[in-house]
Amino acid sequence: MTTQPVEEVLVGFARALRAAGVAVTADRTRAFVEATSVVGVGARVSTRAAGRATLCSGPDDLDRFDRVFDRWFGPEELRGSGSSPVATTTRAALDGDGAELAGEAVP
């Protein structure tokens, strides 16, 4: 298990969600990261709510969001003080100008 900076975990999740067919943009991803900084990432329910509110464009995205969220973050509560949640299969980063997302999920 590896511990990664919270922003990398969150951006990686947004990328995985986009790969699953949800129309996640860089703006939505930034909104998700900002929202989690407000509600905190220590509680799974808060992170899920922030993601649903910022990354989903409508009801059709919710089932897909929930499936990807559960795979990405696992069945347990997120751990840590809000600055370094645990993720076991993530590698993600913003490219040089931040306009596009770069990175990938690691199997």
Protein backbone atom coordinates (compact mmCIF):
# COMPACT_ATOMS: atom_id res chain seq x y z
CA MET A 1 0.00 0.00 0.00
CA THR A 2 1.32 3.45 -0.85
CA THR A 3 0.35 6.82 0.52
CA GLN A 4 0.01 9.64 -1.98
CA PRO A 5 -0.75 13.35 -1.73
CA VAL A 6 -4.47 13.96 -1.54
CA GLU A 7 -4.60 15.98 -4.76
CA GLU A 8 -3.02 13.14 -6.75
CA VAL A 9 -5.55 10.67 -5.38
CA LEU A 10 -8.48 12.96 -6.20
CA VAL A 11 -7.26 13.85 -9.70
CA GLY A 12 -6.58 10.19 -10.38
CA PHE A 13 -10.14 9.35 -9.36
CA ALA A 14 -11.51 12.03 -11.69
CA ARG A 15 -9.48 10.53 -14.55
CA ALA A 16 -10.78 7.04 -13.76
CA LEU A 17 -14.31 8.39 -13.75
CA ARG A 18 -13.74 10.03 -17.13
CA ALA A 19 -12.30 6.76 -18.46
CA ALA A 20 -15.52 5.06 -17.31
CA GLY A 21 -17.56 7.39 -19.52
CA VAL A 22 -18.50 10.32 -17.29
CA ALA A 23 -17.83 13.68 -18.95
CA VAL A 24 -15.33 14.94 -16.38
CA THR A 25 -13.49 18.11 -17.43
CA ALA A 26 -10.46 19.81 -15.93
CA ASP A 27 -12.77 22.49 -14.49
CA ARG A 28 -14.93 19.89 -12.78
CA THR A 29 -11.82 18.19 -11.44
CA ARG A 30 -10.56 21.46 -9.96
CA ALA A 31 -14.01 22.03 -8.41
CA PHE A 32 -13.86 18.52 -6.88
CA VAL A 33 -10.43 19.15 -5.37
CA GLU A 34 -11.61 22.51 -3.99
CA ALA A 35 -14.82 21.01 -2.59
CA THR A 36 -12.93 18.27 -0.78
CA SER A 37 -10.62 20.87 0.72
CA VAL A 38 -13.72 22.48 2.23
CA VAL A 39 -15.54 19.34 3.44
CA GLY A 40 -12.41 17.30 4.15
CA VAL A 41 -11.38 13.94 2.76
CA GLY A 42 -11.21 12.09 6.06
CA ALA A 43 -14.81 10.91 5.82
CA ARG A 44 -15.82 8.77 2.86
CA VAL A 45 -19.34 10.23 2.83
CA SER A 46 -17.99 13.78 2.46
CA THR A 47 -15.64 12.86 -0.36
CA ARG A 48 -18.43 10.96 -2.16
CA ALA A 49 -20.84 13.91 -1.80
CA ALA A 50 -18.23 16.39 -3.06
CA GLY A 51 -17.54 14.17 -6.07
CA ARG A 52 -21.18 13.62 -6.95
CA ALA A 53 -21.86 17.36 -6.72
CA THR A 54 -18.90 18.44 -8.84
CA LEU A 55 -18.04 15.58 -11.21
CA CYS A 56 -21.48 14.33 -12.28
CA SER A 57 -23.51 16.28 -14.81
CA GLY A 58 -26.80 14.53 -14.15
CA PRO A 59 -28.62 11.51 -12.73
CA ASP A 60 -27.33 9.25 -15.51
CA ASP A 61 -23.80 9.59 -14.10
CA LEU A 62 -24.59 8.58 -10.51
CA ASP A 63 -24.51 4.78 -10.82
CA ARG A 64 -21.26 4.89 -12.76
CA PHE A 65 -19.83 7.36 -10.23
CA ASP A 66 -20.70 5.05 -7.33
CA ARG A 67 -19.13 1.99 -8.98
CA VAL A 68 -15.88 3.83 -9.80
CA PHE A 69 -15.78 5.50 -6.37
CA ASP A 70 -16.11 2.16 -4.57
CA ARG A 71 -13.37 0.58 -6.69
CA TRP A 72 -11.05 3.59 -6.39
CA PHE A 73 -11.36 4.28 -2.67
CA GLY A 74 -12.21 0.78 -1.51
CA PRO A 75 -14.73 -0.35 1.06
CA GLU A 76 -13.09 1.27 4.09
CA GLU A 77 -13.24 4.83 5.34
CA LEU A 78 -10.57 7.15 4.00
CA ARG A 79 -7.79 7.52 6.53
CA GLY A 80 -5.63 10.40 7.60
CA SER A 81 -6.04 13.97 8.65
CA GLY A 82 -7.25 15.15 5.27
CA SER A 83 -3.81 15.78 3.83
CA SER A 84 -2.79 12.28 2.77
CA PRO A 85 -5.52 9.67 2.21
CA VAL A 86 -4.49 6.12 1.44
CA ALA A 87 -4.81 4.91 -2.13
CA THR A 88 -3.37 1.65 -3.31
CA THR A 89 -3.64 1.87 -7.09
CA THR A 90 -3.25 5.46 -8.14
CA ARG A 91 -0.79 7.54 -10.13
CA ALA A 92 -1.97 10.89 -11.49
CA ALA A 93 -0.76 14.43 -12.04
CA LEU A 94 -1.62 17.63 -13.83
CA ASP A 95 0.44 18.34 -16.92
CA GLY A 96 2.58 21.48 -17.24
CA ASP A 97 -0.15 24.07 -17.84
CA GLY A 98 -2.90 22.34 -15.84
CA ALA A 99 -5.38 22.61 -18.73
CA GLU A 100 -5.51 18.89 -19.37
CA LEU A 101 -5.23 16.01 -16.94
CA ALA A 102 -2.39 13.56 -17.30
CA GLY A 103 -1.66 10.31 -15.50
CA GLU A 104 -3.13 6.86 -15.28
CA ALA A 105 -4.47 4.30 -12.91
CA VAL A 106 -1.99 1.55 -12.13
CA PRO A 107 -3.40 -2.02 -12.09
